[in-house]
Amino acid sequence: MIERIDKDGTCHFQTKNGPEQRPASELTVITDPEKAMSAVELNGGRIYITEAEADALTVAGAVDGRQNLKATDSGSVI
């Protein structure tokens, strides 16, 4: 979970191993296709984030590696 993003682009995360900090410029926002959610990879794990958090990270300098997903099943609500 993202705790905050400082004006200098430092991103503060709460992870299962405690707090972590990274400059936004070192982060890439990705899409997890299985969960259809945005995430950031940190220390070999994924932190799932909202689209608003993903947008805030990209504004702070993170790379936007998200993909637009669309459903291929005929029973999908998408």
Foldseek 3Di string as FASTA:
>chain_A
DWPDADPLQWTWDQDPVGIDIDRLQVWEWEADVVVRFIWIDDPNDTDTDHVVVVVVSVVSRHHYHYDDDDDDDPPDPD
